[in-house]
N, C-alpha and C. Protein backbone atom coordinates (compact mmCIF):
# COMPACT_ATOMS: atom_id res chain seq x y z
N UNK A 1 56.82 -16.73 -5.63
CA UNK A 1 57.45 -15.88 -6.61
C UNK A 1 57.60 -14.49 -6.00
N UNK A 2 58.79 -13.93 -6.11
CA UNK A 2 59.03 -12.59 -5.61
C UNK A 2 58.51 -11.59 -6.64
N UNK A 3 57.75 -10.61 -6.18
CA UNK A 3 57.21 -9.58 -7.06
C UNK A 3 57.40 -8.21 -6.42
N UNK A 4 57.08 -7.18 -7.15
CA UNK A 4 57.14 -5.84 -6.59
C UNK A 4 56.22 -5.69 -5.38
N UNK A 5 55.17 -6.46 -5.38
CA UNK A 5 54.19 -6.34 -4.29
C UNK A 5 54.66 -7.00 -2.99
N UNK A 6 55.69 -7.84 -3.04
CA UNK A 6 56.10 -8.55 -1.83
C UNK A 6 57.62 -8.60 -1.62
N UNK A 7 58.30 -7.53 -1.97
CA UNK A 7 59.75 -7.47 -1.78
C UNK A 7 60.09 -6.44 -0.71
N UNK A 8 61.36 -6.39 -0.37
CA UNK A 8 61.79 -5.39 0.62
C UNK A 8 61.78 -4.01 -0.02
N UNK A 9 61.85 -2.99 0.79
CA UNK A 9 61.84 -1.62 0.29
C UNK A 9 63.03 -1.34 -0.61
N UNK A 10 64.20 -1.78 -0.21
CA UNK A 10 65.40 -1.57 -1.02
C UNK A 10 65.27 -2.32 -2.35
N UNK A 11 64.81 -3.56 -2.32
CA UNK A 11 64.61 -4.32 -3.56
C UNK A 11 63.60 -3.61 -4.46
N UNK A 12 62.55 -3.12 -3.85
CA UNK A 12 61.50 -2.42 -4.58
C UNK A 12 62.06 -1.21 -5.32
N UNK A 13 62.83 -0.39 -4.62
CA UNK A 13 63.39 0.81 -5.24
C UNK A 13 64.34 0.48 -6.38
N UNK A 14 65.23 -0.47 -6.15
CA UNK A 14 66.20 -0.84 -7.18
C UNK A 14 65.50 -1.45 -8.41
N UNK A 15 64.53 -2.33 -8.17
CA UNK A 15 63.83 -2.97 -9.28
C UNK A 15 62.96 -1.95 -10.03
N UNK A 16 62.37 -1.03 -9.31
CA UNK A 16 61.55 0.00 -9.95
C UNK A 16 62.38 0.86 -10.89
N UNK A 17 63.58 1.18 -10.47
CA UNK A 17 64.46 1.96 -11.34
C UNK A 17 64.86 1.15 -12.57
N UNK A 18 65.12 -0.12 -12.37
CA UNK A 18 65.45 -1.00 -13.49
C UNK A 18 64.29 -1.06 -14.48
N UNK A 19 63.09 -1.17 -13.95
CA UNK A 19 61.89 -1.21 -14.80
C UNK A 19 61.72 0.11 -15.54
N UNK A 20 61.96 1.20 -14.84
CA UNK A 20 61.82 2.52 -15.46
C UNK A 20 62.69 2.63 -16.71
N UNK A 21 63.93 2.19 -16.60
CA UNK A 21 64.84 2.23 -17.75
C UNK A 21 64.39 1.26 -18.84
N UNK A 22 63.97 0.08 -18.45
CA UNK A 22 63.54 -0.92 -19.43
C UNK A 22 62.29 -0.46 -20.18
N UNK A 23 61.37 0.19 -19.48
CA UNK A 23 60.15 0.67 -20.13
C UNK A 23 60.48 1.76 -21.14
N UNK A 24 61.39 2.62 -20.80
CA UNK A 24 61.80 3.67 -21.73
C UNK A 24 62.35 3.05 -23.02
N UNK A 25 63.20 2.03 -22.88
CA UNK A 25 63.74 1.33 -24.05
C UNK A 25 62.64 0.60 -24.81
N UNK A 26 61.72 -0.01 -24.07
CA UNK A 26 60.59 -0.74 -24.68
C UNK A 26 59.74 0.20 -25.53
N UNK A 27 59.44 1.37 -25.00
CA UNK A 27 58.60 2.32 -25.72
C UNK A 27 59.30 2.81 -26.98
N UNK A 28 60.61 3.01 -26.91
CA UNK A 28 61.36 3.42 -28.10
C UNK A 28 61.39 2.30 -29.13
N UNK A 29 61.58 1.08 -28.65
CA UNK A 29 61.66 -0.09 -29.55
C UNK A 29 60.33 -0.38 -30.23
N UNK A 30 59.24 -0.37 -29.48
CA UNK A 30 57.94 -0.76 -30.02
C UNK A 30 57.18 0.38 -30.68
N UNK A 31 57.55 1.60 -30.36
CA UNK A 31 56.87 2.80 -30.87
C UNK A 31 55.37 2.77 -30.55
N UNK A 32 55.04 2.14 -29.45
CA UNK A 32 53.64 1.98 -29.06
C UNK A 32 52.95 3.32 -28.78
N UNK A 33 53.70 4.29 -28.28
CA UNK A 33 53.09 5.58 -27.97
C UNK A 33 52.75 6.38 -29.22
N UNK A 34 53.37 6.05 -30.34
CA UNK A 34 53.01 6.73 -31.58
C UNK A 34 51.55 6.45 -31.94
N UNK A 35 51.07 5.29 -31.57
CA UNK A 35 49.68 4.92 -31.84
C UNK A 35 48.73 5.85 -31.10
N UNK A 36 49.10 6.23 -29.87
CA UNK A 36 48.25 7.13 -29.08
C UNK A 36 48.04 8.47 -29.75
N UNK A 37 48.98 8.87 -30.58
CA UNK A 37 48.93 10.20 -31.20
C UNK A 37 47.99 10.27 -32.40
N UNK A 38 47.49 9.13 -32.85
CA UNK A 38 46.60 9.12 -34.01
C UNK A 38 45.28 9.77 -33.62
N UNK A 39 44.95 10.81 -34.33
CA UNK A 39 43.73 11.57 -34.07
C UNK A 39 42.67 11.22 -35.12
N UNK A 40 41.40 11.41 -34.77
CA UNK A 40 40.34 11.13 -35.74
C UNK A 40 40.28 12.21 -36.82
N UNK A 41 39.63 11.88 -37.91
CA UNK A 41 39.38 12.86 -38.96
C UNK A 41 38.16 13.66 -38.55
N UNK A 42 38.37 14.94 -38.40
CA UNK A 42 37.28 15.85 -38.04
C UNK A 42 36.92 16.63 -39.30
N UNK A 43 35.66 16.48 -39.71
CA UNK A 43 35.20 17.13 -40.94
C UNK A 43 34.53 18.45 -40.62
N UNK A 44 34.64 19.38 -41.57
CA UNK A 44 33.95 20.66 -41.43
C UNK A 44 32.46 20.40 -41.25
N UNK A 45 31.87 21.16 -40.37
CA UNK A 45 30.44 21.04 -40.15
C UNK A 45 30.05 20.04 -39.07
N UNK A 46 31.01 19.32 -38.52
CA UNK A 46 30.68 18.37 -37.45
C UNK A 46 30.36 19.16 -36.18
N UNK A 47 29.28 18.77 -35.50
CA UNK A 47 28.97 19.42 -34.23
C UNK A 47 29.82 18.80 -33.13
N UNK A 48 29.76 19.39 -31.94
CA UNK A 48 30.61 18.94 -30.82
C UNK A 48 30.35 17.47 -30.46
N UNK A 49 29.11 17.05 -30.50
CA UNK A 49 28.79 15.65 -30.17
C UNK A 49 29.39 14.70 -31.18
N UNK A 50 29.35 15.05 -32.46
CA UNK A 50 29.95 14.22 -33.50
C UNK A 50 31.47 14.17 -33.35
N UNK A 51 32.07 15.31 -32.99
CA UNK A 51 33.51 15.35 -32.77
C UNK A 51 33.90 14.45 -31.59
N UNK A 52 33.13 14.54 -30.51
CA UNK A 52 33.40 13.69 -29.35
C UNK A 52 33.26 12.22 -29.71
N UNK A 53 32.25 11.89 -30.48
CA UNK A 53 32.05 10.50 -30.91
C UNK A 53 33.23 10.03 -31.77
N UNK A 54 33.73 10.91 -32.64
CA UNK A 54 34.87 10.56 -33.48
C UNK A 54 36.11 10.31 -32.63
N UNK A 55 36.31 11.14 -31.59
CA UNK A 55 37.45 10.94 -30.69
C UNK A 55 37.31 9.63 -29.92
N UNK A 56 36.10 9.33 -29.44
CA UNK A 56 35.88 8.06 -28.72
C UNK A 56 36.16 6.87 -29.62
N UNK A 57 35.68 6.93 -30.85
CA UNK A 57 35.89 5.82 -31.80
C UNK A 57 37.38 5.65 -32.11
N UNK A 58 38.08 6.77 -32.30
CA UNK A 58 39.52 6.68 -32.57
C UNK A 58 40.25 6.13 -31.36
N UNK A 59 39.84 6.53 -30.16
CA UNK A 59 40.47 6.01 -28.94
C UNK A 59 40.33 4.50 -28.86
N UNK A 60 39.17 3.98 -29.21
CA UNK A 60 38.96 2.52 -29.22
C UNK A 60 39.90 1.85 -30.21
N UNK A 61 40.01 2.44 -31.40
CA UNK A 61 40.91 1.89 -32.42
C UNK A 61 42.36 1.94 -31.94
N UNK A 62 42.74 3.05 -31.31
CA UNK A 62 44.11 3.19 -30.83
C UNK A 62 44.43 2.16 -29.75
N UNK A 63 43.50 1.96 -28.82
CA UNK A 63 43.72 0.98 -27.75
C UNK A 63 43.88 -0.42 -28.35
N UNK A 64 43.03 -0.75 -29.30
CA UNK A 64 43.13 -2.06 -29.95
C UNK A 64 44.48 -2.20 -30.66
N UNK A 65 44.91 -1.16 -31.35
CA UNK A 65 46.20 -1.21 -32.05
C UNK A 65 47.36 -1.30 -31.07
N UNK A 66 47.25 -0.62 -29.93
CA UNK A 66 48.30 -0.70 -28.91
C UNK A 66 48.39 -2.11 -28.34
N UNK A 67 47.25 -2.72 -28.11
CA UNK A 67 47.24 -4.10 -27.61
C UNK A 67 47.81 -5.05 -28.65
N UNK A 68 47.45 -4.87 -29.93
CA UNK A 68 48.05 -5.68 -30.99
C UNK A 68 49.57 -5.53 -30.99
N UNK A 69 50.03 -4.31 -30.83
CA UNK A 69 51.46 -4.02 -30.81
C UNK A 69 52.14 -4.73 -29.65
N UNK A 70 51.59 -4.59 -28.45
CA UNK A 70 52.22 -5.14 -27.25
C UNK A 70 52.07 -6.65 -27.14
N UNK A 71 50.91 -7.18 -27.49
CA UNK A 71 50.62 -8.58 -27.23
C UNK A 71 50.90 -9.52 -28.40
N UNK A 72 51.04 -8.95 -29.59
CA UNK A 72 51.30 -9.81 -30.74
C UNK A 72 52.60 -9.43 -31.45
N UNK A 73 52.66 -8.21 -31.96
CA UNK A 73 53.83 -7.79 -32.74
C UNK A 73 55.10 -7.72 -31.91
N UNK A 74 54.98 -7.39 -30.63
CA UNK A 74 56.16 -7.25 -29.75
C UNK A 74 56.01 -8.09 -28.49
N UNK A 75 55.44 -9.27 -28.64
CA UNK A 75 55.16 -10.13 -27.48
C UNK A 75 56.43 -10.43 -26.67
N UNK A 76 57.54 -10.69 -27.35
CA UNK A 76 58.77 -11.04 -26.63
C UNK A 76 59.25 -9.86 -25.79
N UNK A 77 59.21 -8.66 -26.36
CA UNK A 77 59.64 -7.47 -25.62
C UNK A 77 58.70 -7.21 -24.44
N UNK A 78 57.42 -7.46 -24.63
CA UNK A 78 56.45 -7.27 -23.56
C UNK A 78 56.71 -8.26 -22.42
N UNK A 79 57.02 -9.49 -22.76
CA UNK A 79 57.33 -10.49 -21.73
C UNK A 79 58.55 -10.07 -20.92
N UNK A 80 59.55 -9.51 -21.59
CA UNK A 80 60.75 -9.05 -20.86
C UNK A 80 60.40 -7.98 -19.84
N UNK A 81 59.52 -7.06 -20.20
CA UNK A 81 59.10 -6.01 -19.27
C UNK A 81 58.29 -6.61 -18.12
N UNK A 82 57.35 -7.45 -18.44
CA UNK A 82 56.50 -8.05 -17.41
C UNK A 82 57.31 -8.90 -16.45
N UNK A 83 58.31 -9.58 -16.96
CA UNK A 83 59.15 -10.43 -16.11
C UNK A 83 59.87 -9.61 -15.05
N UNK A 84 60.19 -8.37 -15.36
CA UNK A 84 60.88 -7.53 -14.38
C UNK A 84 60.00 -7.27 -13.15
N UNK A 85 58.69 -7.35 -13.31
CA UNK A 85 57.81 -7.21 -12.15
C UNK A 85 58.01 -8.37 -11.18
N UNK A 86 58.58 -9.46 -11.70
CA UNK A 86 58.83 -10.65 -10.88
C UNK A 86 60.33 -10.89 -10.67
N UNK A 87 61.12 -9.85 -10.85
CA UNK A 87 62.57 -9.92 -10.62
C UNK A 87 63.25 -10.95 -11.52
N UNK A 88 62.76 -11.10 -12.73
CA UNK A 88 63.33 -12.05 -13.66
C UNK A 88 64.01 -11.28 -14.79
N UNK A 89 65.30 -11.56 -15.02
CA UNK A 89 66.06 -10.92 -16.08
C UNK A 89 66.29 -11.84 -17.28
N UNK A 90 66.23 -13.12 -17.06
CA UNK A 90 66.55 -14.11 -18.08
C UNK A 90 65.34 -14.35 -18.99
N UNK A 91 65.55 -14.22 -20.31
CA UNK A 91 64.46 -14.37 -21.27
C UNK A 91 63.84 -15.77 -21.23
N UNK A 92 64.68 -16.80 -21.09
CA UNK A 92 64.15 -18.17 -21.04
C UNK A 92 63.33 -18.39 -19.78
N UNK A 93 63.82 -17.86 -18.67
CA UNK A 93 63.07 -17.98 -17.42
C UNK A 93 61.76 -17.21 -17.51
N UNK A 94 61.78 -16.08 -18.18
CA UNK A 94 60.57 -15.27 -18.35
C UNK A 94 59.51 -16.05 -19.12
N UNK A 95 59.93 -16.82 -20.10
CA UNK A 95 58.99 -17.62 -20.89
C UNK A 95 58.29 -18.69 -20.05
N UNK A 96 58.89 -19.05 -18.91
CA UNK A 96 58.32 -20.09 -18.06
C UNK A 96 57.33 -19.53 -17.03
N UNK A 97 57.14 -18.23 -17.00
CA UNK A 97 56.21 -17.63 -16.05
C UNK A 97 54.79 -18.16 -16.25
N UNK A 98 54.10 -18.36 -15.16
CA UNK A 98 52.70 -18.71 -15.24
C UNK A 98 51.94 -17.43 -15.61
N UNK A 99 51.28 -17.40 -16.76
CA UNK A 99 50.62 -16.17 -17.20
C UNK A 99 49.58 -15.65 -16.21
N UNK A 100 48.91 -16.54 -15.51
CA UNK A 100 47.88 -16.10 -14.57
C UNK A 100 48.50 -15.51 -13.30
N UNK A 101 49.63 -16.07 -12.87
CA UNK A 101 50.35 -15.47 -11.74
C UNK A 101 50.83 -14.07 -12.12
N UNK A 102 51.35 -13.97 -13.33
CA UNK A 102 51.85 -12.68 -13.81
C UNK A 102 50.71 -11.67 -13.91
N UNK A 103 49.57 -12.11 -14.39
CA UNK A 103 48.41 -11.23 -14.48
C UNK A 103 48.00 -10.71 -13.11
N UNK A 104 48.05 -11.58 -12.10
CA UNK A 104 47.75 -11.15 -10.74
C UNK A 104 48.70 -10.05 -10.29
N UNK A 105 49.97 -10.19 -10.64
CA UNK A 105 50.97 -9.19 -10.27
C UNK A 105 50.68 -7.87 -10.98
N UNK A 106 50.46 -7.95 -12.27
CA UNK A 106 50.25 -6.74 -13.07
C UNK A 106 49.00 -5.99 -12.63
N UNK A 107 47.95 -6.74 -12.36
CA UNK A 107 46.68 -6.10 -12.01
C UNK A 107 46.55 -5.79 -10.54
N UNK A 108 47.59 -6.03 -9.79
CA UNK A 108 47.58 -5.66 -8.38
C UNK A 108 47.35 -4.15 -8.28
N UNK A 109 46.40 -3.75 -7.49
CA UNK A 109 46.08 -2.34 -7.34
C UNK A 109 47.31 -1.55 -6.90
N UNK A 110 48.08 -2.11 -6.00
CA UNK A 110 49.27 -1.42 -5.50
C UNK A 110 50.28 -1.18 -6.63
N UNK A 111 50.50 -2.18 -7.48
CA UNK A 111 51.46 -2.05 -8.57
C UNK A 111 50.96 -1.05 -9.61
N UNK A 112 49.69 -1.16 -9.98
CA UNK A 112 49.13 -0.22 -10.96
C UNK A 112 49.19 1.22 -10.45
N UNK A 113 48.83 1.42 -9.20
CA UNK A 113 48.88 2.76 -8.62
C UNK A 113 50.31 3.31 -8.61
N UNK A 114 51.26 2.45 -8.29
CA UNK A 114 52.66 2.88 -8.26
C UNK A 114 53.10 3.38 -9.63
N UNK A 115 52.85 2.62 -10.69
CA UNK A 115 53.29 3.02 -12.01
C UNK A 115 52.52 4.22 -12.52
N UNK A 116 51.26 4.33 -12.17
CA UNK A 116 50.48 5.51 -12.54
C UNK A 116 51.09 6.75 -11.89
N UNK A 117 51.45 6.64 -10.64
CA UNK A 117 52.06 7.79 -9.95
C UNK A 117 53.43 8.13 -10.52
N UNK A 118 54.20 7.12 -10.88
CA UNK A 118 55.49 7.38 -11.51
C UNK A 118 55.31 8.18 -12.80
N UNK A 119 54.35 7.76 -13.62
CA UNK A 119 54.11 8.46 -14.87
C UNK A 119 53.64 9.88 -14.61
N UNK A 120 52.74 10.06 -13.66
CA UNK A 120 52.20 11.39 -13.37
C UNK A 120 53.27 12.32 -12.83
N UNK A 121 54.20 11.78 -12.10
CA UNK A 121 55.25 12.62 -11.50
C UNK A 121 56.38 12.91 -12.48
N UNK A 122 56.36 12.28 -13.63
CA UNK A 122 57.41 12.51 -14.61
C UNK A 122 58.66 11.69 -14.35
N UNK A 123 58.61 10.78 -13.38
CA UNK A 123 59.78 9.95 -13.09
C UNK A 123 59.94 8.82 -14.08
N UNK A 124 58.91 8.59 -14.87
CA UNK A 124 58.98 7.54 -15.87
C UNK A 124 58.78 8.18 -17.23
N UNK A 125 59.72 8.01 -18.13
CA UNK A 125 59.65 8.63 -19.44
C UNK A 125 58.65 7.87 -20.30
N UNK A 126 57.48 8.46 -20.47
CA UNK A 126 56.44 7.82 -21.27
C UNK A 126 56.19 8.59 -22.56
N UNK A 127 57.09 9.48 -22.91
CA UNK A 127 56.89 10.27 -24.11
C UNK A 127 55.75 11.25 -23.90
N UNK A 128 55.20 11.76 -24.98
CA UNK A 128 54.10 12.71 -24.90
C UNK A 128 52.81 11.93 -24.71
N UNK A 129 52.31 11.90 -23.49
CA UNK A 129 51.07 11.16 -23.22
C UNK A 129 49.87 12.08 -23.10
N UNK A 130 50.05 13.35 -23.46
CA UNK A 130 48.94 14.29 -23.35
C UNK A 130 47.86 13.95 -24.36
N UNK A 131 46.67 14.29 -24.02
CA UNK A 131 45.53 14.05 -24.89
C UNK A 131 45.00 15.40 -25.38
N UNK A 132 45.90 16.20 -25.93
CA UNK A 132 45.53 17.54 -26.37
C UNK A 132 44.55 17.45 -27.53
N UNK A 133 43.56 18.28 -27.46
CA UNK A 133 42.58 18.37 -28.52
C UNK A 133 42.91 19.56 -29.41
N UNK A 134 42.74 19.40 -30.71
CA UNK A 134 43.03 20.51 -31.60
C UNK A 134 41.84 21.42 -31.77
N UNK A 135 40.67 20.99 -31.35
CA UNK A 135 39.49 21.84 -31.46
C UNK A 135 39.34 22.70 -30.21
N UNK A 136 38.77 23.88 -30.41
CA UNK A 136 38.55 24.78 -29.29
C UNK A 136 37.19 24.49 -28.69
N UNK A 137 37.18 24.32 -27.37
CA UNK A 137 35.92 23.98 -26.71
C UNK A 137 35.42 25.12 -25.88
């Protein structure tokens, strides 16, 4: 199976750009990043440790909700994005992917690092991914 991890440089660049556009559409369609923006309820009188605990607990809830969104509510859209890592455009062909082969591709350190760097450099539109805190520290 051809993947981002084992293609030519030109194929890599072209497919990466295709993925960049598809991810932008995916994020708009699924509204998955809106979940990241959910902040915990901070009550008057909470000390810094309690506030940090509230943020950690909310982060866990947000991650779980994001996974529910991607893996259940929008499973078909997620498969379309993942298939692009394997140079697959056809929805029916994407459904035939071996999930474990796909997982190997996704969790490849090289692939993860590449997409992390794209996001950090602003080359990939991920919306507002900042983790701004409203409390003064």
